[in-house]
Amino acid sequence: SAQEFSALEVKRVTEQQRSVCILQSESASACSEDDMLIGSCDATTCLIVFVVCNYGVSVLHLDDGTCDDWDYLQKCIRFVDNDADLYLIGSYAEPSYHSSNVLNSALEFFQQCQKTFNLVLAYVDSVNTEERIVNGISVPAPRVTSACMNPVSREIFPANFVHHGPKYLERRMRCMLSAPCSDVYDCKQRIFRFEPWGFNLTQHAMQRFRKLIELDDASLLRYTSTSPDVEKEEYAREMREMYQTLIESPSSDLLFGPDLNPTFYEWRENGWAQVAYQEIGTTQTKVLQPA
């Protein structure tokens, strides 16, 4: 129940914990024998969706851009035969209605699916809302913005993802640049993968990024967030880091290289390590570099 979920201790997920944390415009699935943590983070007006079936667990991170994307939504039910358990976390009760639009779109999708879903957890809307004092003013704020699940035990927890996996900086750009959605985990080979995409920023876009970098934190939040009063402390710093990287590398050729080849990562004792694809799963696997 929602009450039981809110009473759970927050699971702190570090780089020593084998985990897959999806970001906006990403998806992932893990089979029921895969002993790890899978989930998502930083969902304020967004919605984290877990679909659990006999095969395993699938997770999506829905926002304004993906909540009506049926190809993206289908990724969470691709392994469902007839029925599955459904867990929804996020989308707090806020005045802009971004949250409610995302939540309503998700519910409409699951209602129209030719599957049966058992709604196990709906930690959303008013249930996921508390009052917080910001600059002396009481504002609505989400109680939980991150969650993870163990595919083996099917236990779900509020989460604090200290580590977000390989290529965190570049992966955050995917949503902002309206890049194609990406499935970041090969559940059969248990490989994390990063798929680059083609882009070429205009001078107008680069000029806008330069102006955003120069703004104070409060102004930057107002211009770039759907929930500026309740973002995490690192939000402004991470946004400036992302904009600065794009200013310095304003095309996919400069940021990723001209071939746009995906990179692959296997889990090792000290975390995700980049490997050559042809060597995955062999005894000759050579680690190219740590993630």
Protein backbone atom coordinates (compact mmCIF):
# COMPACT_ATOMS: atom_id res chain seq x y z
CA SER A 1 0.00 0.00 0.00
CA ALA A 2 0.99 3.65 -0.30
CA GLN A 3 1.28 3.94 3.49
CA GLU A 4 3.63 0.97 3.68
CA PHE A 5 5.72 2.32 0.79
CA SER A 6 6.11 5.74 2.41
CA ALA A 7 7.24 4.10 5.66
CA LEU A 8 10.10 2.22 3.97
CA GLU A 9 13.67 3.36 4.47
CA VAL A 10 15.09 5.11 1.42
CA LYS A 11 17.44 2.78 -0.48
CA ARG A 12 20.76 4.54 -1.10
CA VAL A 13 22.13 3.29 -4.42
CA THR A 14 25.88 3.84 -4.85
CA GLU A 15 28.33 2.84 -7.57
CA GLN A 16 29.11 -0.35 -5.58
CA GLN A 17 25.51 -1.53 -6.01
CA ARG A 18 24.72 -3.24 -9.33
CA SER A 19 21.87 -1.12 -10.64
CA VAL A 20 20.23 0.42 -13.68
CA CYS A 21 18.80 3.91 -13.22
CA ILE A 22 16.90 5.18 -16.24
CA LEU A 23 16.55 8.88 -17.01
CA GLN A 24 13.96 10.74 -19.08
CA SER A 25 13.51 9.28 -22.58
CA GLU A 26 15.02 5.97 -21.45
CA SER A 27 13.58 2.54 -20.66
CA ALA A 28 14.88 -0.74 -19.25
CA SER A 29 13.78 -4.25 -18.39
CA ALA A 30 15.37 -6.91 -16.19
CA CYS A 31 14.52 -10.61 -15.97
CA SER A 32 13.29 -12.16 -12.73
CA GLU A 33 16.64 -13.91 -12.08
CA ASP A 34 18.67 -10.70 -12.34
CA ASP A 35 19.64 -9.80 -8.75
CA MET A 36 20.14 -6.03 -8.99
CA LEU A 37 18.20 -2.79 -8.57
CA ILE A 38 16.31 -1.18 -11.43
CA GLY A 39 14.49 2.12 -11.22
CA SER A 40 14.50 5.82 -11.98
CA CYS A 41 15.15 9.15 -10.33
CA ASP A 42 14.23 12.84 -10.11
CA ALA A 43 10.56 12.45 -11.05
CA THR A 44 8.81 15.56 -9.77
CA THR A 45 6.06 16.24 -12.31
CA CYS A 46 7.18 13.07 -14.12
CA LEU A 47 5.92 9.56 -13.41
CA ILE A 48 7.95 6.40 -12.77
CA VAL A 49 6.20 3.26 -14.02
CA PHE A 50 7.08 -0.31 -13.02
CA VAL A 51 5.39 -3.22 -14.79
CA VAL A 52 6.05 -6.60 -13.18
CA CYS A 53 5.18 -9.88 -14.89
CA ASN A 54 6.43 -13.49 -14.90
CA TYR A 55 9.39 -12.52 -17.07
CA GLY A 56 10.65 -9.70 -14.87
CA VAL A 57 10.42 -5.94 -14.40
CA SER A 58 10.16 -3.07 -16.91
CA VAL A 59 10.49 0.59 -15.98
CA LEU A 60 9.68 3.86 -17.75
CA HIS A 61 10.11 7.53 -16.84
CA LEU A 62 7.15 9.43 -18.28
CA ASP A 63 7.15 13.18 -18.88
CA ASP A 64 5.27 15.67 -21.07
CA GLY A 65 7.17 14.48 -24.12
CA THR A 66 6.77 10.72 -23.69
CA CYS A 67 3.42 10.24 -21.90
CA ASP A 68 1.59 10.23 -25.27
CA ASP A 69 4.31 8.32 -27.16
CA TRP A 70 2.72 4.91 -27.57
CA ASP A 71 5.87 3.35 -29.02
CA TYR A 72 7.69 4.34 -25.84
CA LEU A 73 4.83 3.22 -23.61
CA GLN A 74 4.73 -0.17 -25.30
CA LYS A 75 8.23 -0.88 -24.00
CA CYS A 76 6.89 -1.49 -20.50
CA ILE A 77 4.44 -4.21 -21.61
CA ARG A 78 6.53 -6.00 -24.26
CA PHE A 79 7.06 -9.06 -22.02
CA VAL A 80 3.52 -9.18 -20.59
CA ASP A 81 1.46 -12.17 -21.72
CA ASN A 82 -1.93 -11.55 -20.15
CA ASP A 83 -1.65 -9.89 -16.76
CA ALA A 84 0.91 -7.92 -14.76
CA ASP A 85 1.35 -5.84 -11.62
CA LEU A 86 1.55 -2.07 -12.01
CA TYR A 87 3.39 0.38 -9.74
CA LEU A 88 3.18 4.18 -10.22
CA ILE A 89 5.37 6.67 -8.33
CA GLY A 90 5.63 10.43 -8.85
CA SER A 91 3.42 13.14 -10.38
CA TYR A 92 2.61 15.13 -7.24
CA ALA A 93 -0.35 17.52 -6.89
CA GLU A 94 0.98 20.84 -8.23
CA PRO A 95 -0.73 23.89 -9.77
CA SER A 96 0.73 23.71 -13.30
CA TYR A 97 -1.08 20.41 -14.07
CA HIS A 98 2.01 18.92 -15.74
CA SER A 99 1.80 16.07 -13.24
CA SER A 100 -1.88 15.36 -13.77
CA ASN A 101 -1.50 15.41 -17.57
CA VAL A 102 1.28 12.83 -17.40
CA LEU A 103 -0.62 10.66 -14.92
CA ASN A 104 -3.88 10.78 -16.91
CA SER A 105 -2.08 9.85 -20.13
CA ALA A 106 -0.45 6.87 -18.44
CA LEU A 107 -3.74 5.65 -16.96
CA GLU A 108 -5.43 6.01 -20.34
CA PHE A 109 -2.73 3.87 -21.94
CA PHE A 110 -3.07 1.05 -19.42
CA GLN A 111 -6.87 1.15 -19.64
CA GLN A 112 -6.72 0.74 -23.41
CA CYS A 113 -4.18 -2.08 -23.38
CA GLN A 114 -5.42 -5.55 -24.18
CA LYS A 115 -3.87 -6.74 -20.92
CA THR A 116 -4.96 -7.01 -17.31
CA PHE A 117 -3.10 -4.90 -14.76
CA ASN A 118 -3.24 -5.21 -11.00
CA LEU A 119 -2.54 -1.72 -9.62
CA VAL A 120 -0.38 -2.61 -6.62
CA LEU A 121 0.92 0.87 -5.82
CA ALA A 122 -0.24 4.35 -6.84
CA TYR A 123 2.02 6.70 -4.93
CA VAL A 124 0.90 9.69 -6.98
CA ASP A 125 -1.02 12.98 -6.89
CA SER A 126 -2.12 14.04 -3.39
CA VAL A 127 -0.71 10.85 -1.81
CA ASN A 128 2.75 11.91 -3.00
CA THR A 129 2.39 15.53 -1.90
CA GLU A 130 3.49 17.41 1.20
CA GLU A 131 3.87 21.07 2.07
CA ARG A 132 7.37 22.53 2.03
CA ILE A 133 8.57 26.01 2.97
CA VAL A 134 10.51 27.63 0.11
CA ASN A 135 11.73 31.21 0.58
CA GLY A 136 9.26 31.64 3.42
CA ILE A 137 6.29 30.40 1.36
CA SER A 138 4.48 27.09 1.73
CA VAL A 139 4.43 25.19 -1.58
CA PRO A 140 3.35 21.67 -2.57
CA ALA A 141 6.27 19.27 -2.97
CA PRO A 142 6.69 15.58 -3.85
CA ARG A 143 7.39 13.17 -1.02
CA VAL A 144 9.18 10.65 -3.27
CA THR A 145 10.90 11.37 -6.59
CA SER A 146 13.02 8.23 -7.06
CA ALA A 147 12.29 4.52 -6.71
CA CYS A 148 13.91 1.17 -7.37
CA MET A 149 12.92 -2.49 -7.42
CA ASN A 150 14.75 -5.79 -7.07
CA PRO A 151 13.55 -8.04 -9.93
CA VAL A 152 14.19 -11.20 -7.91
CA SER A 153 12.39 -10.31 -4.69
CA ARG A 154 9.97 -7.85 -6.38
CA GLU A 155 10.55 -5.48 -3.44
CA ILE A 156 10.16 -1.80 -4.23
CA PHE A 157 11.77 1.07 -2.33
CA PRO A 158 11.99 4.85 -2.33
CA ALA A 159 15.50 5.47 -3.64
CA ASN A 160 18.41 7.87 -3.54
CA PHE A 161 20.53 7.22 -6.64
CA VAL A 162 23.94 8.55 -5.66
CA HIS A 163 25.28 6.97 -8.85
CA HIS A 164 23.28 6.96 -12.08
CA GLY A 165 25.34 4.63 -14.26
CA PRO A 166 27.57 5.24 -17.29
CA LYS A 167 27.45 8.41 -19.44
CA TYR A 168 25.20 10.29 -17.01
CA LEU A 169 26.02 13.71 -18.47
CA GLU A 170 25.38 12.68 -22.08
CA ARG A 171 22.26 10.69 -21.21
CA ARG A 172 20.70 13.74 -19.55
CA MET A 173 20.95 15.53 -22.90
CA ARG A 174 18.71 13.01 -24.64
CA CYS A 175 15.45 14.48 -23.39
CA MET A 176 16.51 18.12 -23.76
CA LEU A 177 17.62 17.63 -27.38
CA SER A 178 14.46 15.64 -28.25
CA ALA A 179 16.59 12.65 -29.21
CA PRO A 180 15.03 9.22 -29.85
CA CYS A 181 14.15 7.23 -26.75
CA SER A 182 16.63 4.53 -25.82
CA ASP A 183 16.52 1.15 -24.11
CA VAL A 184 19.63 1.23 -21.93
CA TYR A 185 19.84 -2.37 -20.68
CA ASP A 186 20.19 -5.65 -22.58
CA CYS A 187 18.36 -7.92 -20.16
CA LYS A 188 19.51 -11.14 -21.87
CA GLN A 189 23.23 -10.36 -21.81
CA ARG A 190 22.94 -8.09 -18.74
CA ILE A 191 24.79 -5.30 -20.51
CA PHE A 192 24.30 -1.56 -20.04
CA ARG A 193 24.47 0.30 -23.35
CA PHE A 194 24.64 3.91 -24.42
CA GLU A 195 23.32 4.81 -27.87
CA PRO A 196 24.45 8.16 -29.32
CA TRP A 197 22.24 10.15 -31.67
CA GLY A 198 22.86 12.68 -34.40
CA PHE A 199 22.44 16.40 -33.74
CA ASN A 200 23.85 19.75 -34.82
CA LEU A 201 23.05 22.78 -32.66
CA THR A 202 22.15 26.07 -34.30
CA GLN A 203 23.84 29.33 -33.35
CA HIS A 204 20.52 30.42 -31.83
CA ALA A 205 20.47 27.37 -29.54
CA MET A 206 24.06 27.93 -28.46
CA GLN A 207 23.33 31.58 -27.75
CA ARG A 208 20.36 30.55 -25.60
CA PHE A 209 22.53 28.09 -23.66
CA ARG A 210 25.10 30.82 -22.98
CA LYS A 211 22.38 33.08 -21.59
CA LEU A 212 20.98 30.31 -19.40
CA ILE A 213 24.40 29.58 -17.90
CA GLU A 214 24.71 33.20 -16.82
CA LEU A 215 21.40 33.23 -14.93
CA ASP A 216 21.25 32.92 -11.17
CA ASP A 217 19.97 29.59 -9.83
CA ALA A 218 16.38 30.75 -9.22
CA SER A 219 16.03 32.17 -12.75
CA LEU A 220 17.61 29.09 -14.33
CA LEU A 221 15.13 26.89 -12.51
CA ARG A 222 12.16 28.98 -13.67
CA TYR A 223 13.26 28.77 -17.30
CA THR A 224 14.15 25.08 -17.41
CA SER A 225 12.05 23.16 -14.86
CA THR A 226 8.37 22.28 -14.60
CA SER A 227 8.81 22.24 -10.81
CA PRO A 228 11.32 25.02 -10.02
CA ASP A 229 10.51 25.22 -6.30
CA VAL A 230 11.23 21.58 -5.52
CA GLU A 231 14.16 20.45 -7.66
CA LYS A 232 17.16 18.75 -6.05
CA GLU A 233 20.08 20.90 -4.88
CA GLU A 234 22.33 19.76 -7.75
CA TYR A 235 19.85 20.74 -10.46
CA ALA A 236 21.29 24.14 -11.43
CA ARG A 237 24.88 22.88 -11.38
CA GLU A 238 24.02 19.88 -13.54
CA MET A 239 22.14 22.03 -16.04
CA ARG A 240 25.07 24.44 -16.39
CA GLU A 241 27.44 21.51 -16.83
CA MET A 242 25.24 20.13 -19.60
CA TYR A 243 24.87 23.47 -21.40
CA GLN A 244 28.60 24.16 -21.18
CA THR A 245 29.41 20.74 -22.65
CA LEU A 246 27.05 21.36 -25.56
CA ILE A 247 28.52 24.81 -26.20
CA GLU A 248 31.97 23.23 -26.39
CA SER A 249 30.73 20.26 -28.46
CA PRO A 250 27.71 21.54 -30.44
CA SER A 251 27.37 18.53 -32.75
CA SER A 252 27.20 14.77 -32.41
CA ASP A 253 30.48 14.46 -34.35
CA LEU A 254 32.27 16.51 -31.69
CA LEU A 255 30.49 14.98 -28.68
CA PHE A 256 30.26 11.31 -29.70
CA GLY A 257 32.42 10.92 -32.79
CA PRO A 258 31.30 10.64 -36.42
CA ASP A 259 30.33 6.94 -36.36
CA LEU A 260 27.74 7.22 -33.55
CA ASN A 261 28.70 3.78 -32.34
CA PRO A 262 27.03 2.59 -29.13
CA THR A 263 29.17 1.80 -26.10
CA PHE A 264 28.66 -1.24 -23.88
CA TYR A 265 29.30 -1.86 -20.19
CA GLU A 266 29.58 -5.03 -18.12
CA TRP A 267 29.24 -5.13 -14.35
CA ARG A 268 32.52 -5.73 -12.52
CA GLU A 269 33.44 -5.74 -8.85
CA ASN A 270 34.05 -1.99 -8.90
CA GLY A 271 31.11 -1.01 -11.12
CA TRP A 272 30.15 -0.76 -14.78
CA ALA A 273 33.18 -1.09 -17.07
CA GLN A 274 33.24 -0.38 -20.80
CA VAL A 275 33.92 -3.41 -22.98
CA ALA A 276 34.08 -4.22 -26.68
CA TYR A 277 30.77 -5.69 -27.85
CA GLN A 278 32.31 -8.72 -29.60
CA GLU A 279 33.96 -9.74 -26.33
CA ILE A 280 30.87 -9.58 -24.13
CA GLY A 281 30.33 -12.77 -22.16
CA THR A 282 33.67 -14.33 -23.15
CA THR A 283 36.61 -15.14 -20.93
CA GLN A 284 38.72 -12.82 -23.07
CA THR A 285 36.59 -9.77 -22.29
CA LYS A 286 38.93 -6.80 -22.08
CA VAL A 287 37.89 -3.80 -20.03
CA LEU A 288 38.43 -0.67 -22.11
CA GLN A 289 37.87 1.77 -19.28
CA PRO A 290 35.77 2.11 -16.12
CA ALA A 291 32.39 3.80 -16.53
